[in-house]
Amino acid sequence: MKPVSIRTLRSTDTEALLAFERDNREWFERHIDPRDPAFYSVQGVTEHIATYLADFAAGAWHPFVIEDPEGKIVGRANLKDIDLAEGSAEVGYRIAQSACGQGLATLAVKHLIQQAQVHWRLNRLVAHVYAGNIASAKVLKRCGFLIEQLALHEGIERDYRFGLWIEESHQYATGSKDNS
């Protein structure tokens, strides 16, 4: 895997983010709910970024982009619905189809876990994955998430809720878990 960087989304990312989203629209819509068609424009992405950055400033979201060595966006990752009182948030991520299979989703989720713990002092993360999205389920399991429940949506669509207690998984990963 070539080195990539993960950084907080910036207001100057409009063109690059629009290209990423347009290039991967069909791919993403196979695995997650489709975006409103109005999103796929300079104005739509500009408003999207402004909303995410306002939510970041308010402490409700932390949006990241993943860039390849040339600075092209190849993925996104977010801590969303951050609840500081409960110490929890939801994770979400999407990787360009051309960058799949390179470990970027795992890298993104590990980055979210680290940021949740260090930057936000959270201790609980959740993620929702459609039942047919086996690759995302594997990524979450690889990062220490466990299946908590199965939900049905409007008939036949099902998804799984995964959860992670950060402190426990961090201690386990570092070998410092106290079993007393």
C-alpha atoms as a PDB file:
ATOM      1  CA  MET A   1       0.000   0.000   0.000  1.00  0.00           C
ATOM      2  CA  LYS A   2       1.317   3.407  -0.947  1.00  0.00           C
ATOM      3  CA  PRO A   3       1.386   5.949   1.892  1.00  0.00           C
ATOM      4  CA  VAL A   4      -1.800   7.932   2.329  1.00  0.00           C
ATOM      5  CA  SER A   5      -2.711  10.792   4.618  1.00  0.00           C
ATOM      6  CA  ILE A   6      -5.825  11.303   6.684  1.00  0.00           C
ATOM      7  CA  ARG A   7      -6.762  14.830   7.611  1.00  0.00           C
ATOM      8  CA  THR A   8      -9.748  16.887   8.660  1.00  0.00           C
ATOM      9  CA  LEU A   9     -11.984  18.053   5.805  1.00  0.00           C
ATOM     10  CA  ARG A  10     -11.354  21.664   4.705  1.00  0.00           C
ATOM     11  CA  SER A  11     -13.513  24.246   2.961  1.00  0.00           C
ATOM     12  CA  THR A  12     -11.044  24.191   0.058  1.00  0.00           C
ATOM     13  CA  ASP A  13     -11.845  20.521  -0.686  1.00  0.00           C
ATOM     14  CA  THR A  14     -14.939  21.251  -2.796  1.00  0.00           C
ATOM     15  CA  GLU A  15     -13.615  20.321  -6.262  1.00  0.00           C
ATOM     16  CA  ALA A  16     -11.656  17.285  -5.080  1.00  0.00           C
ATOM     17  CA  LEU A  17     -14.547  16.002  -2.969  1.00  0.00           C
ATOM     18  CA  LEU A  18     -17.038  16.510  -5.787  1.00  0.00           C
ATOM     19  CA  ALA A  19     -14.786  14.529  -8.147  1.00  0.00           C
ATOM     20  CA  PHE A  20     -14.433  11.728  -5.574  1.00  0.00           C
ATOM     21  CA  GLU A  21     -18.184  11.543  -4.974  1.00  0.00           C
ATOM     22  CA  ARG A  22     -19.106  11.693  -8.684  1.00  0.00           C
ATOM     23  CA  ASP A  23     -16.488   9.117  -9.691  1.00  0.00           C
ATOM     24  CA  ASN A  24     -17.736   6.660  -7.062  1.00  0.00           C
ATOM     25  CA  ARG A  25     -21.452   7.443  -6.940  1.00  0.00           C
ATOM     26  CA  GLU A  26     -22.636   4.170  -8.469  1.00  0.00           C
ATOM     27  CA  TRP A  27     -20.198   2.172  -6.337  1.00  0.00           C
ATOM     28  CA  PHE A  28     -21.298   3.836  -3.098  1.00  0.00           C
ATOM     29  CA  GLU A  29     -24.987   3.466  -3.883  1.00  0.00           C
ATOM     30  CA  ARG A  30     -24.516  -0.303  -4.020  1.00  0.00           C
ATOM     31  CA  HIS A  31     -23.539  -0.253  -0.330  1.00  0.00           C
ATOM     32  CA  ILE A  32     -25.172   2.778   1.312  1.00  0.00           C
ATOM     33  CA  ASP A  33     -28.206   5.019   0.857  1.00  0.00           C
ATOM     34  CA  PRO A  34     -27.968   7.299  -2.194  1.00  0.00           C
ATOM     35  CA  ARG A  35     -27.423  11.022  -1.764  1.00  0.00           C
ATOM     36  CA  ASP A  36     -29.883  13.604  -3.033  1.00  0.00           C
ATOM     37  CA  PRO A  37     -29.057  14.380  -6.695  1.00  0.00           C
ATOM     38  CA  ALA A  38     -28.602  18.075  -5.770  1.00  0.00           C
ATOM     39  CA  PHE A  39     -25.514  17.050  -3.768  1.00  0.00           C
ATOM     40  CA  TYR A  40     -23.579  16.321  -6.984  1.00  0.00           C
ATOM     41  CA  SER A  41     -22.802  19.933  -7.865  1.00  0.00           C
ATOM     42  CA  VAL A  42     -20.295  22.555  -6.728  1.00  0.00           C
ATOM     43  CA  GLN A  43     -23.039  24.255  -4.733  1.00  0.00           C
ATOM     44  CA  GLY A  44     -24.223  20.956  -3.227  1.00  0.00           C
ATOM     45  CA  VAL A  45     -20.752  19.906  -2.097  1.00  0.00           C
ATOM     46  CA  THR A  46     -19.918  23.420  -0.869  1.00  0.00           C
ATOM     47  CA  GLU A  47     -23.036  23.372   1.319  1.00  0.00           C
ATOM     48  CA  HIS A  48     -22.231  19.824   2.462  1.00  0.00           C
ATOM     49  CA  ILE A  49     -18.720  20.836   3.533  1.00  0.00           C
ATOM     50  CA  ALA A  50     -20.004  23.991   5.263  1.00  0.00           C
ATOM     51  CA  THR A  51     -22.517  21.917   7.244  1.00  0.00           C
ATOM     52  CA  TYR A  52     -19.902  19.342   8.244  1.00  0.00           C
ATOM     53  CA  LEU A  53     -17.416  22.005   9.301  1.00  0.00           C
ATOM     54  CA  ALA A  54     -20.090  23.849  11.318  1.00  0.00           C
ATOM     55  CA  ASP A  55     -20.960  20.564  13.026  1.00  0.00           C
ATOM     56  CA  PHE A  56     -17.249  19.973  13.644  1.00  0.00           C
ATOM     57  CA  ALA A  57     -16.942  23.415  15.262  1.00  0.00           C
ATOM     58  CA  ALA A  58     -19.997  22.591  17.402  1.00  0.00           C
ATOM     59  CA  GLY A  59     -18.480  19.273  18.499  1.00  0.00           C
ATOM     60  CA  ALA A  60     -21.077  17.081  16.775  1.00  0.00           C
ATOM     61  CA  TRP A  61     -19.024  15.699  13.839  1.00  0.00           C
ATOM     62  CA  HIS A  62     -15.412  15.166  12.864  1.00  0.00           C
ATOM     63  CA  PRO A  63     -15.084  14.766   9.082  1.00  0.00           C
ATOM     64  CA  PHE A  64     -11.887  13.403   7.526  1.00  0.00           C
ATOM     65  CA  VAL A  65     -10.615  12.803   4.006  1.00  0.00           C
ATOM     66  CA  ILE A  66      -8.075  10.210   2.934  1.00  0.00           C
ATOM     67  CA  GLU A  67      -5.630  11.320   0.259  1.00  0.00           C
ATOM     68  CA  ASP A  68      -3.256   9.316  -1.897  1.00  0.00           C
ATOM     69  CA  PRO A  69       0.390  10.447  -2.300  1.00  0.00           C
ATOM     70  CA  GLU A  70      -0.651  12.831  -5.114  1.00  0.00           C
ATOM     71  CA  GLY A  71      -3.263  14.538  -2.913  1.00  0.00           C
ATOM     72  CA  LYS A  72      -6.294  12.941  -4.603  1.00  0.00           C
ATOM     73  CA  ILE A  73      -9.164  12.073  -2.256  1.00  0.00           C
ATOM     74  CA  VAL A  74      -9.572   8.284  -2.180  1.00  0.00           C
ATOM     75  CA  GLY A  75     -11.744   8.011   0.909  1.00  0.00           C
ATOM     76  CA  ARG A  76     -13.716   9.680   3.638  1.00  0.00           C
ATOM     77  CA  ALA A  77     -14.239   8.861   7.283  1.00  0.00           C
ATOM     78  CA  ASN A  78     -16.409  10.554   9.875  1.00  0.00           C
ATOM     79  CA  LEU A  79     -17.168  10.547  13.539  1.00  0.00           C
ATOM     80  CA  LYS A  80     -20.792  11.629  13.560  1.00  0.00           C
ATOM     81  CA  ASP A  81     -23.468  12.271  16.145  1.00  0.00           C
ATOM     82  CA  ILE A  82     -20.760  12.859  18.736  1.00  0.00           C
ATOM     83  CA  ASP A  83     -22.324  12.854  22.188  1.00  0.00           C
ATOM     84  CA  LEU A  84     -19.792  14.102  24.714  1.00  0.00           C
ATOM     85  CA  ALA A  85     -22.152  13.526  27.652  1.00  0.00           C
ATOM     86  CA  GLU A  86     -22.507   9.839  26.757  1.00  0.00           C
ATOM     87  CA  GLY A  87     -18.961   9.576  25.396  1.00  0.00           C
ATOM     88  CA  SER A  88     -20.170   8.069  22.143  1.00  0.00           C
ATOM     89  CA  ALA A  89     -20.282   8.586  18.381  1.00  0.00           C
ATOM     90  CA  GLU A  90     -21.110   6.764  15.175  1.00  0.00           C
ATOM     91  CA  VAL A  91     -18.454   5.956  12.598  1.00  0.00           C
ATOM     92  CA  GLY A  92     -18.899   6.122   8.857  1.00  0.00           C
ATOM     93  CA  TYR A  93     -16.474   5.706   5.990  1.00  0.00           C
ATOM     94  CA  ARG A  94     -16.356   5.251   2.238  1.00  0.00           C
ATOM     95  CA  ILE A  95     -13.432   4.254   0.066  1.00  0.00           C
ATOM     96  CA  ALA A  96     -13.115   4.820  -3.692  1.00  0.00           C
ATOM     97  CA  GLN A  97     -13.746   1.672  -5.695  1.00  0.00           C
ATOM     98  CA  SER A  98     -10.290   2.003  -7.269  1.00  0.00           C
ATOM     99  CA  ALA A  99      -8.680   2.035  -3.804  1.00  0.00           C
ATOM    100  CA  CYS A 100     -10.526  -0.941  -2.304  1.00  0.00           C
ATOM    101  CA  GLY A 101      -8.521  -3.918  -1.118  1.00  0.00           C
ATOM    102  CA  GLN A 102      -5.563  -1.784  -0.029  1.00  0.00           C
ATOM    103  CA  GLY A 103      -6.394  -1.626   3.672  1.00  0.00           C
ATOM    104  CA  LEU A 104      -7.688   1.948   3.554  1.00  0.00           C
ATOM    105  CA  ALA A 105     -11.001   1.196   5.262  1.00  0.00           C
ATOM    106  CA  THR A 106      -9.194  -0.505   8.137  1.00  0.00           C
ATOM    107  CA  LEU A 107      -6.756   2.400   8.340  1.00  0.00           C
ATOM    108  CA  ALA A 108      -9.673   4.856   8.367  1.00  0.00           C
ATOM    109  CA  VAL A 109     -11.548   3.027  11.134  1.00  0.00           C
ATOM    110  CA  LYS A 110      -8.398   2.771  13.251  1.00  0.00           C
ATOM    111  CA  HIS A 111      -7.881   6.502  12.744  1.00  0.00           C
ATOM    112  CA  LEU A 112     -11.469   7.182  13.848  1.00  0.00           C
ATOM    113  CA  ILE A 113     -10.961   5.069  16.960  1.00  0.00           C
ATOM    114  CA  GLN A 114      -7.771   6.942  17.788  1.00  0.00           C
ATOM    115  CA  GLN A 115      -9.363  10.360  17.217  1.00  0.00           C
ATOM    116  CA  ALA A 116     -12.450   9.372  19.214  1.00  0.00           C
ATOM    117  CA  GLN A 117     -10.258   8.473  22.149  1.00  0.00           C
ATOM    118  CA  VAL A 118      -7.540  11.135  21.988  1.00  0.00           C
ATOM    119  CA  HIS A 119      -9.321  14.185  20.545  1.00  0.00           C
ATOM    120  CA  TRP A 120     -12.876  13.654  21.804  1.00  0.00           C
ATOM    121  CA  ARG A 121     -12.310  11.436  24.888  1.00  0.00           C
ATOM    122  CA  LEU A 122     -15.054   9.049  23.755  1.00  0.00           C
ATOM    123  CA  ASN A 123     -15.353   5.498  25.002  1.00  0.00           C
ATOM    124  CA  ARG A 124     -18.048   4.052  22.750  1.00  0.00           C
ATOM    125  CA  LEU A 125     -18.430   3.845  18.965  1.00  0.00           C
ATOM    126  CA  VAL A 126     -21.183   2.323  16.858  1.00  0.00           C
ATOM    127  CA  ALA A 127     -21.483   1.618  13.145  1.00  0.00           C
ATOM    128  CA  HIS A 128     -24.342   0.512  10.904  1.00  0.00           C
ATOM    129  CA  VAL A 129     -23.744  -1.784   7.939  1.00  0.00           C
ATOM    130  CA  TYR A 130     -26.212  -3.226   5.453  1.00  0.00           C
ATOM    131  CA  ALA A 131     -26.286  -7.007   5.720  1.00  0.00           C
ATOM    132  CA  GLY A 132     -24.980  -7.384   2.153  1.00  0.00           C
ATOM    133  CA  ASN A 133     -21.919  -5.201   2.782  1.00  0.00           C
ATOM    134  CA  ILE A 134     -19.664  -8.026   3.917  1.00  0.00           C
ATOM    135  CA  ALA A 135     -16.439  -6.078   3.339  1.00  0.00           C
ATOM    136  CA  SER A 136     -17.435  -3.330   5.790  1.00  0.00           C
ATOM    137  CA  ALA A 137     -18.515  -5.899   8.374  1.00  0.00           C
ATOM    138  CA  LYS A 138     -15.084  -7.535   8.093  1.00  0.00           C
ATOM    139  CA  VAL A 139     -13.328  -4.176   8.511  1.00  0.00           C
ATOM    140  CA  LEU A 140     -15.294  -3.406  11.664  1.00  0.00           C
ATOM    141  CA  LYS A 141     -14.647  -6.859  13.137  1.00  0.00           C
ATOM    142  CA  ARG A 142     -10.944  -6.520  12.319  1.00  0.00           C
ATOM    143  CA  CYS A 143     -10.922  -3.251  14.294  1.00  0.00           C
ATOM    144  CA  GLY A 144     -12.556  -4.798  17.367  1.00  0.00           C
ATOM    145  CA  PHE A 145     -16.230  -3.990  16.749  1.00  0.00           C
ATOM    146  CA  LEU A 146     -18.797  -6.641  17.671  1.00  0.00           C
ATOM    147  CA  ILE A 147     -22.258  -7.190  16.186  1.00  0.00           C
ATOM    148  CA  GLU A 148     -24.886  -5.887  18.592  1.00  0.00           C
ATOM    149  CA  GLN A 149     -28.142  -6.248  16.690  1.00  0.00           C
ATOM    150  CA  LEU A 150     -29.860  -6.812  13.371  1.00  0.00           C
ATOM    151  CA  ALA A 151     -32.496  -4.321  12.207  1.00  0.00           C
ATOM    152  CA  LEU A 152     -35.118  -4.556   9.461  1.00  0.00           C
ATOM    153  CA  HIS A 153     -35.958  -1.508   7.363  1.00  0.00           C
ATOM    154  CA  GLU A 154     -39.155  -1.032   5.381  1.00  0.00           C
ATOM    155  CA  GLY A 155     -39.613  -4.640   4.436  1.00  0.00           C
ATOM    156  CA  ILE A 156     -36.562  -6.548   3.278  1.00  0.00           C
ATOM    157  CA  GLU A 157     -33.534  -4.272   3.859  1.00  0.00           C
ATOM    158  CA  ARG A 158     -31.529  -5.325   6.901  1.00  0.00           C
ATOM    159  CA  ASP A 159     -28.549  -3.840   8.610  1.00  0.00           C
ATOM    160  CA  TYR A 160     -26.283  -4.713  11.462  1.00  0.00           C
ATOM    161  CA  ARG A 161     -25.300  -2.442  14.294  1.00  0.00           C
ATOM    162  CA  PHE A 162     -21.721  -2.919  15.456  1.00  0.00           C
ATOM    163  CA  GLY A 163     -20.329  -1.541  18.695  1.00  0.00           C
ATOM    164  CA  LEU A 164     -16.917  -0.939  20.222  1.00  0.00           C
ATOM    165  CA  TRP A 165     -15.919   0.014  23.746  1.00  0.00           C
ATOM    166  CA  ILE A 166     -12.749   1.975  23.017  1.00  0.00           C
ATOM    167  CA  GLU A 167     -10.930   1.752  26.328  1.00  0.00           C
ATOM    168  CA  GLU A 168     -11.388  -2.012  26.485  1.00  0.00           C
ATOM    169  CA  SER A 169     -10.252  -2.604  22.898  1.00  0.00           C
ATOM    170  CA  HIS A 170      -7.310  -0.211  23.299  1.00  0.00           C
ATOM    171  CA  GLN A 171      -6.121  -2.004  26.438  1.00  0.00           C
ATOM    172  CA  TYR A 172      -6.528  -5.362  24.725  1.00  0.00           C
ATOM    173  CA  ALA A 173      -4.595  -4.198  21.650  1.00  0.00           C
ATOM    174  CA  THR A 174      -1.728  -2.904  23.788  1.00  0.00           C
ATOM    175  CA  GLY A 175      -1.665  -5.951  26.050  1.00  0.00           C
ATOM    176  CA  SER A 176      -2.400  -3.911  29.183  1.00  0.00           C
ATOM    177  CA  LYS A 177      -5.889  -5.184  29.920  1.00  0.00           C
ATOM    178  CA  ASP A 178      -6.397  -5.822  33.618  1.00  0.00           C
ATOM    179  CA  ASN A 179      -8.181  -9.159  34.088  1.00  0.00           C
ATOM    180  CA  SER A 180      -8.583  -8.902  37.850  1.00  0.00           C
END
